C-alpha cells in the first residue's frame, strides 16, 4: 500500500504560515487573528450505516473545534462494489460539498448510482456552512457571522481537517492505494482546486463542478461578497491580500501543473435539467460562476497547464432541485479521467 505523507505534511506546514496571516504587516481590524498553527487530532464518535456500501462517520476534530452546532463533524464514505469480498486496495475520490450543504446533501443512493461499479472509495466530508475549505485567518471580533453562526477562537481550520485529519484516517481505516482525486461542487470546486494547488502530490486529479475559482474576480465584486459572508476567512482583502492570493485557484494556476484537471460550468441560461424555478433562483449565480471559471481557465492557459473543460447551458446546481443533475453529469464525465490519473495511465 503506497503512502505519500511526505508530500502532504511539508506543503501544509509551509502554507499554514501563509494561511494564518502571520506574515502581514497589519492585522484585519474586524478579526482576532489566529495566533498558532492548527492542531490535527481526529477522535471517532460513531459510525451509522446508510446502505450496504455507505456509512456516515462522526468525529470530534481538534482542527475545526466546535464550529458546528453539536461540536461534531461528519464524513460519509461509499465503498466500491465487492470491497468486503477481497483484499484489493482502491484509490480515493474526495468530494467537497457546496455552501450551506453537508456530506449528506447528495442522497447516498444517487451517489452510488453515479459511481456505479467504478473501483474507487468515495469520501464526502463536512466543510461547514460556508467554511471555504480554508484554515481561517481569524475569528470575527463580534464572535459570529450571519452564515456560519458563532465562530470559536481559535477559528476553524478546514484545510487541516481535510488534509491532516481526514486523509490519514481514510488511509488507516480502508484499503487504499495512496492515490487520490478531489472534486468539488460550487464552494467545493474552489476547495478542490485550492487544495490540489496548495498540497502538491496529494491529489492526482482535481475537478471543479460550477466552482468559485477566482475569489478576486470581477474587479472588487467577489471579494466584497465574500467579505460580507465573513471578513475573517482570509482576513481583509487589502491588508491580507497575500493570504487571499495564497488560497485563490486562479492565482495558484501554475501550481496545478501535473494534476489532471477537469472544469465545468453553465452559462445561467435554461439547460436540460432546468425549469422556471431553477432559472429564477440559480441563473444569475451560475453566470457569475462561469465568469470566474473563465478567469481560472485563462490563467491555466497562460501557464501552459492542460485542463479538460465542459461548458453548457444551465443554472447553478442546487441540492433540492432537479438541476443538481448537472453535478452528477459532470462527475460521471470526470470519473474515467480521474481513474486514469490515479492508476497512472493518463
Protein backbone atom coordinates (compact mmCIF):
# COMPACT_ATOMS: atom_id res chain seq x y z
CA UNK A 1 0.00 0.00 0.00
CA UNK A 2 1.64 3.23 -1.12
CA UNK A 3 1.85 6.19 1.32
CA UNK A 4 2.78 9.72 0.31
CA UNK A 5 2.64 11.64 3.59
CA UNK A 6 5.91 13.48 2.98
CA UNK A 7 4.00 15.10 0.11
CA UNK A 8 1.17 16.01 2.46
CA UNK A 9 2.87 17.36 5.55
CA UNK A 10 5.55 19.60 4.05
CA UNK A 11 3.25 21.84 2.00
CA UNK A 12 0.76 22.02 4.85
CA UNK A 13 3.43 23.37 7.16
CA UNK A 14 4.58 25.83 4.50
CA UNK A 15 1.14 27.15 3.65
CA UNK A 16 -0.02 27.04 7.28
CA UNK A 17 2.07 30.13 7.90
CA UNK A 18 0.52 31.94 4.95
CA UNK A 19 -2.97 30.78 5.93
CA UNK A 20 -2.62 32.19 9.45
CA UNK A 21 -1.93 35.65 8.07
CA UNK A 22 1.06 36.00 10.40
CA UNK A 23 3.29 37.49 7.74
CA UNK A 24 1.13 40.56 7.18
CA UNK A 25 2.23 43.99 8.36
CA UNK A 26 -1.16 44.91 9.79
CA UNK A 27 -3.95 42.75 11.18
CA UNK A 28 -7.52 42.99 9.98
CA UNK A 29 -9.40 45.29 12.39
CA UNK A 30 -12.52 43.10 12.20
CA UNK A 31 -10.78 39.92 13.31
CA UNK A 32 -8.93 38.28 16.16
CA UNK A 33 -6.12 36.68 14.10
CA UNK A 34 -5.05 33.09 14.65
CA UNK A 35 -2.03 33.04 16.98
CA UNK A 36 -0.79 29.46 16.46
CA UNK A 37 -0.81 26.76 13.81
CA UNK A 38 -3.83 24.42 13.85
CA UNK A 39 -3.59 21.11 15.70
CA UNK A 40 -4.62 17.89 13.94
CA UNK A 41 -6.39 15.27 16.04
CA UNK A 42 -9.46 13.34 14.96
CA UNK A 43 -11.47 11.39 17.56
CA UNK A 44 -14.06 8.88 16.27
CA UNK A 45 -17.50 9.12 17.87
CA UNK A 46 -19.86 6.90 15.88
CA UNK A 47 -20.49 5.07 12.61
CA UNK A 48 -24.01 4.78 11.16
CA UNK A 49 -24.63 2.51 8.14
CA UNK A 50 -26.64 4.23 5.40
CA UNK A 51 -26.65 1.31 2.96
CA UNK A 52 -24.62 -1.82 2.29
CA UNK A 53 -21.96 0.38 0.68
CA UNK A 54 -22.22 3.70 2.50
CA UNK A 55 -21.55 4.67 6.15
CA UNK A 56 -21.74 8.05 7.89
CA UNK A 57 -18.90 8.54 10.40
CA UNK A 58 -18.97 11.15 13.16
CA UNK A 59 -15.90 12.71 14.83
CA UNK A 60 -14.60 15.38 17.12
CA UNK A 61 -11.94 17.41 15.33
CA UNK A 62 -9.23 19.45 17.01
CA UNK A 63 -8.74 21.35 13.75
CA UNK A 64 -12.27 22.76 13.45
CA UNK A 65 -13.28 22.55 17.10
CA UNK A 66 -16.87 23.43 17.95
CA UNK A 67 -17.71 25.37 14.80
CA UNK A 68 -20.75 23.18 14.04
CA UNK A 69 -23.76 23.38 16.40
CA UNK A 70 -23.28 19.95 18.02
CA UNK A 71 -19.48 20.19 18.08
CA UNK A 72 -19.16 17.21 15.73
CA UNK A 73 -18.06 16.74 12.12
CA UNK A 74 -19.15 14.04 9.71
CA UNK A 75 -17.60 12.10 6.85
CA UNK A 76 -19.66 9.86 4.56
CA UNK A 77 -17.80 7.01 2.89
CA UNK A 78 -19.07 4.95 -0.05
CA UNK A 79 -17.12 1.76 -0.74
CA UNK A 80 -16.79 0.13 -4.16
CA UNK A 81 -18.87 -2.88 -5.08
CA UNK A 82 -17.17 -6.02 -3.79
CA UNK A 83 -14.93 -4.19 -1.29
CA UNK A 84 -15.81 -6.61 1.52
CA UNK A 85 -15.13 -9.72 -0.54
CA UNK A 86 -11.42 -9.33 -1.17
CA UNK A 87 -8.11 -7.73 -0.25
CA UNK A 88 -7.67 -5.29 -3.13
CA UNK A 89 -6.70 -1.67 -2.42
CA UNK A 90 -8.52 1.22 -4.05
CA UNK A 91 -7.88 4.86 -4.97
CA UNK A 92 -9.88 7.55 -3.19
CA UNK A 93 -12.17 10.24 -4.60
CA UNK A 94 -12.84 13.09 -2.17
CA UNK A 95 -15.98 15.11 -2.91
CA UNK A 96 -16.26 18.56 -1.28
CA UNK A 97 -19.78 19.96 -0.90
CA UNK A 98 -21.05 23.46 -1.65
CA UNK A 99 -22.10 26.31 0.65
CA UNK A 100 -24.86 25.52 3.13
CA UNK A 101 -24.66 21.85 2.16
CA UNK A 102 -23.18 18.86 4.01
CA UNK A 103 -21.90 15.32 3.40
CA UNK A 104 -25.50 14.10 3.23
CA UNK A 105 -26.78 16.72 0.77
CA UNK A 106 -26.46 14.32 -2.15
CA UNK A 107 -28.63 11.24 -1.42
CA UNK A 108 -26.40 8.21 -0.89
CA UNK A 109 -28.37 6.14 -3.39
CA UNK A 110 -27.76 8.75 -6.09
CA UNK A 111 -24.02 8.87 -5.32
CA UNK A 112 -23.86 5.08 -5.54
CA UNK A 113 -25.68 5.20 -8.87
CA UNK A 114 -23.29 7.80 -10.29
CA UNK A 115 -20.21 5.87 -9.16
CA UNK A 116 -21.66 2.57 -10.30
CA UNK A 117 -19.05 -0.18 -10.39
CA UNK A 118 -16.07 2.20 -10.61
CA UNK A 119 -13.41 0.74 -8.28
CA UNK A 120 -12.97 3.81 -6.08
CA UNK A 121 -13.66 4.80 -2.46
CA UNK A 122 -15.76 7.98 -2.30
CA UNK A 123 -15.20 10.24 0.73
CA UNK A 124 -17.58 13.16 1.42
CA UNK A 125 -16.50 15.25 4.45
CA UNK A 126 -18.08 18.18 6.27
CA UNK A 127 -16.89 21.61 5.14
CA UNK A 128 -19.03 23.89 7.29
CA UNK A 129 -21.94 26.06 6.10
CA UNK A 130 -19.52 28.49 4.42
CA UNK A 131 -16.13 27.27 5.62
CA UNK A 132 -14.49 27.79 2.22
CA UNK A 133 -12.02 24.95 2.68
CA UNK A 134 -9.53 27.17 4.47
CA UNK A 135 -7.68 27.38 7.76
CA UNK A 136 -9.35 30.65 8.71
CA UNK A 137 -7.26 33.77 9.23
CA UNK A 138 -9.14 34.70 12.40
CA UNK A 139 -12.34 34.93 14.42
CA UNK A 140 -14.74 37.89 13.99
CA UNK A 141 -14.48 40.27 16.93
CA UNK A 142 -18.27 40.04 17.16
CA UNK A 143 -17.91 36.29 17.78
CA UNK A 144 -20.15 35.22 14.90
CA UNK A 145 -21.27 35.82 11.35
CA UNK A 146 -24.65 35.72 9.65
CA UNK A 147 -23.96 32.49 7.74
CA UNK A 148 -21.78 30.25 9.92
CA UNK A 149 -23.19 31.42 13.28
CA UNK A 150 -20.91 31.53 16.35
CA UNK A 151 -17.22 31.30 15.47
CA UNK A 152 -14.86 29.96 18.15
CA UNK A 153 -11.32 31.08 18.87
CA UNK A 154 -9.07 29.73 17.51
CA UNK A 155 -11.09 29.77 14.29
CA UNK A 156 -11.87 26.64 12.26
CA UNK A 157 -9.07 25.06 10.24
CA UNK A 158 -10.91 23.25 7.47
CA UNK A 159 -7.84 22.57 5.33
CA UNK A 160 -6.08 20.97 8.29
CA UNK A 161 -9.20 18.89 8.98
CA UNK A 162 -9.33 17.54 5.44
CA UNK A 163 -5.64 17.14 4.63
CA UNK A 164 -4.14 16.24 8.01
CA UNK A 165 -7.07 14.56 9.76
CA UNK A 166 -9.48 13.02 7.24
CA UNK A 167 -6.98 11.74 4.65
CA UNK A 168 -4.77 9.92 7.21
CA UNK A 169 -7.91 8.43 8.80
CA UNK A 170 -9.10 7.16 5.41
CA UNK A 171 -5.76 5.51 4.69
CA UNK A 172 -5.62 3.97 8.17
CA UNK A 173 -9.21 2.69 8.04
CA UNK A 174 -9.65 1.43 4.49
CA UNK A 175 -7.56 -0.42 1.92
CA UNK A 176 -6.22 2.45 -0.19
CA UNK A 177 -3.56 2.73 -2.87
CA UNK A 178 -2.32 6.16 -1.76
CA UNK A 179 -3.67 7.72 -4.97
CA UNK A 180 -6.40 10.34 -4.69
CA UNK A 181 -8.62 12.62 -6.73
CA UNK A 182 -10.68 15.53 -5.48
CA UNK A 183 -13.86 17.03 -6.88
CA UNK A 184 -15.99 19.84 -5.52
CA UNK A 185 -19.34 21.45 -6.16
CA UNK A 186 -19.68 25.27 -6.04
CA UNK A 187 -17.73 26.31 -2.90
CA UNK A 188 -16.30 22.79 -3.05
CA UNK A 189 -14.96 23.47 -6.55
CA UNK A 190 -12.89 26.25 -5.01
CA UNK A 191 -11.75 23.79 -2.34
CA UNK A 192 -10.80 21.11 -4.85
CA UNK A 193 -8.55 23.37 -6.90
CA UNK A 194 -7.16 25.28 -3.91
CA UNK A 195 -6.28 22.05 -2.09
CA UNK A 196 -4.68 20.49 -5.16
CA UNK A 197 -2.56 23.60 -5.77
CA UNK A 198 -1.58 24.13 -2.13
CA UNK A 199 -0.75 20.48 -1.44
CA UNK A 200 1.29 19.25 -4.42
CA UNK A 201 1.48 15.48 -4.78
CA UNK A 202 -1.55 14.77 -2.61
CA UNK A 203 -4.11 14.61 -5.45
CA UNK A 204 -3.53 13.10 -8.89
CA UNK A 205 -6.65 14.77 -10.31
CA UNK A 206 -8.93 17.67 -9.41
CA UNK A 207 -12.35 18.74 -10.69
CA UNK A 208 -14.46 21.84 -10.21
CA UNK A 209 -18.21 21.46 -10.72
CA UNK A 210 -19.51 25.03 -11.08
CA UNK A 211 -16.83 26.20 -8.65
CA UNK A 212 -15.87 29.61 -7.28
CA UNK A 213 -12.44 29.57 -8.89
CA UNK A 214 -11.39 33.22 -8.64
CA UNK A 215 -12.04 34.82 -5.25
CA UNK A 216 -10.61 38.09 -6.58
CA UNK A 217 -12.77 38.02 -9.71
CA UNK A 218 -14.99 40.64 -11.36
CA UNK A 219 -12.94 43.56 -10.03
CA UNK A 220 -13.92 44.00 -6.38
CA UNK A 221 -17.34 42.33 -6.59
CA UNK A 222 -16.39 38.81 -5.49
CA UNK A 223 -14.07 39.90 -2.63
CA UNK A 224 -16.80 42.23 -1.39
CA UNK A 225 -19.40 39.45 -1.42
CA UNK A 226 -17.07 37.01 0.33
CA UNK A 227 -16.08 39.64 2.87
CA UNK A 228 -19.76 40.11 3.70
CA UNK A 229 -20.13 36.35 4.30
CA UNK A 230 -17.34 36.54 6.89
CA UNK A 231 -14.46 39.04 6.96
CA UNK A 232 -12.14 36.61 8.74
CA UNK A 233 -11.90 33.63 6.38
CA UNK A 234 -8.81 35.13 4.71
CA UNK A 235 -8.75 38.49 6.52
CA UNK A 236 -9.16 41.93 4.99
CA UNK A 237 -8.89 41.71 1.16
CA UNK A 238 -6.35 44.57 1.11
CA UNK A 239 -4.38 44.08 4.33
CA UNK A 240 -4.21 40.31 3.87
CA UNK A 241 -4.06 40.34 0.06
CA UNK A 242 -1.18 37.84 0.10
CA UNK A 243 -3.29 35.41 2.11
CA UNK A 244 -6.15 35.73 -0.40
CA UNK A 245 -3.72 35.02 -3.25
CA UNK A 246 -2.26 32.05 -1.33
CA UNK A 247 -5.68 30.37 -1.48
CA UNK A 248 -7.06 31.64 -4.81
CA UNK A 249 -7.09 28.91 -7.50
CA UNK A 250 -6.64 31.49 -10.28
CA UNK A 251 -3.56 32.94 -8.58
CA UNK A 252 -2.22 29.40 -8.00
CA UNK A 253 -2.83 28.10 -11.52
CA UNK A 254 0.85 27.38 -12.20
CA UNK A 255 0.97 25.07 -9.16
CA UNK A 256 -1.55 22.73 -10.79
CA UNK A 257 0.86 21.57 -13.48
CA UNK A 258 0.98 17.77 -13.42
CA UNK A 259 -2.52 17.42 -11.92
CA UNK A 260 -5.23 16.05 -14.20
CA UNK A 261 -7.80 18.88 -14.25
CA UNK A 262 -11.48 18.97 -15.17
CA UNK A 263 -13.66 22.10 -15.06
CA UNK A 264 -17.34 22.50 -15.84
CA UNK A 265 -19.83 25.38 -15.55
CA UNK A 266 -23.12 26.52 -17.02
CA UNK A 267 -23.96 29.89 -18.53
CA UNK A 268 -27.07 30.62 -16.44
CA UNK A 269 -29.45 30.01 -19.34
CA UNK A 270 -32.02 27.19 -19.22
CA UNK A 271 -30.49 23.78 -19.87
CA UNK A 272 -31.56 20.16 -19.91
CA UNK A 273 -32.03 19.96 -16.11
CA UNK A 274 -33.78 23.31 -15.59
CA UNK A 275 -37.30 24.56 -15.10
CA UNK A 276 -38.61 28.07 -14.48
CA UNK A 277 -37.87 27.93 -10.75
CA UNK A 278 -34.22 26.94 -11.15
CA UNK A 279 -33.62 29.67 -13.72
CA UNK A 280 -35.08 32.29 -11.37
CA UNK A 281 -33.18 31.06 -8.31
CA UNK A 282 -29.88 29.98 -9.82
CA UNK A 283 -29.39 31.51 -13.26
CA UNK A 284 -27.61 34.70 -12.23
CA UNK A 285 -25.40 32.83 -9.78
CA UNK A 286 -24.17 30.48 -12.49
CA UNK A 287 -23.46 33.42 -14.80
CA UNK A 288 -21.09 34.73 -12.11
CA UNK A 289 -19.58 31.26 -11.66
CA UNK A 290 -18.99 30.99 -15.41
CA UNK A 291 -17.09 34.30 -15.44
CA UNK A 292 -14.74 33.35 -12.58
CA UNK A 293 -14.32 29.91 -14.15
CA UNK A 294 -13.23 31.60 -17.36
CA UNK A 295 -10.68 33.59 -15.30
CA UNK A 296 -9.27 30.34 -13.92
CA UNK A 297 -9.10 28.59 -17.30
CA UNK A 298 -7.39 31.63 -18.81
CA UNK A 299 -4.78 31.52 -16.02
CA UNK A 300 -4.17 27.84 -16.70
CA UNK A 301 -3.75 28.56 -20.40
CA UNK A 302 -1.28 31.38 -19.70
CA UNK A 303 0.79 28.97 -17.64
CA UNK A 304 0.58 26.12 -20.13
CA UNK A 305 -1.37 23.88 -17.72
CA UNK A 306 -3.69 21.42 -19.53
CA UNK A 307 -7.35 21.28 -18.49
CA UNK A 308 -10.46 19.50 -19.72
CA UNK A 309 -13.45 21.86 -19.88
CA UNK A 310 -17.15 21.25 -20.37
CA UNK A 311 -19.35 24.33 -20.68
CA UNK A 312 -23.09 24.10 -21.21
CA UNK A 313 -26.43 25.86 -20.91
CA UNK A 314 -27.58 25.51 -17.32
CA UNK A 315 -28.02 27.08 -13.90
CA UNK A 316 -26.15 26.70 -10.61
CA UNK A 317 -26.78 23.19 -9.20
CA UNK A 318 -28.89 23.18 -6.04
CA UNK A 319 -29.26 20.33 -3.52
CA UNK A 320 -33.05 20.06 -3.71
CA UNK A 321 -33.62 20.99 -7.34
CA UNK A 322 -33.50 18.86 -10.46
CA UNK A 323 -30.56 20.98 -11.63
CA UNK A 324 -28.38 19.02 -9.14
CA UNK A 325 -28.09 16.53 -12.00
CA UNK A 326 -25.60 18.88 -13.68
CA UNK A 327 -23.20 17.88 -10.89
CA UNK A 328 -23.97 14.20 -11.45
CA UNK A 329 -23.39 14.56 -15.20
CA UNK A 330 -20.06 16.26 -14.53
CA UNK A 331 -18.92 13.65 -12.00
CA UNK A 332 -19.87 10.87 -14.42
CA UNK A 333 -17.76 12.52 -17.12
CA UNK A 334 -14.85 13.19 -14.75
CA UNK A 335 -14.56 9.74 -13.17
CA UNK A 336 -12.81 7.99 -16.10
CA UNK A 337 -10.27 10.84 -16.33
CA UNK A 338 -9.68 10.73 -12.58
CA UNK A 339 -9.26 6.95 -12.60
CA UNK A 340 -6.70 7.12 -15.38
CA UNK A 341 -4.73 9.70 -13.42
CA UNK A 342 -4.89 7.68 -10.20
CA UNK A 343 -3.92 4.49 -12.00
CA UNK A 344 -1.05 6.21 -13.82
CA UNK A 345 -2.48 5.59 -17.28
CA UNK A 346 -3.46 9.21 -18.13
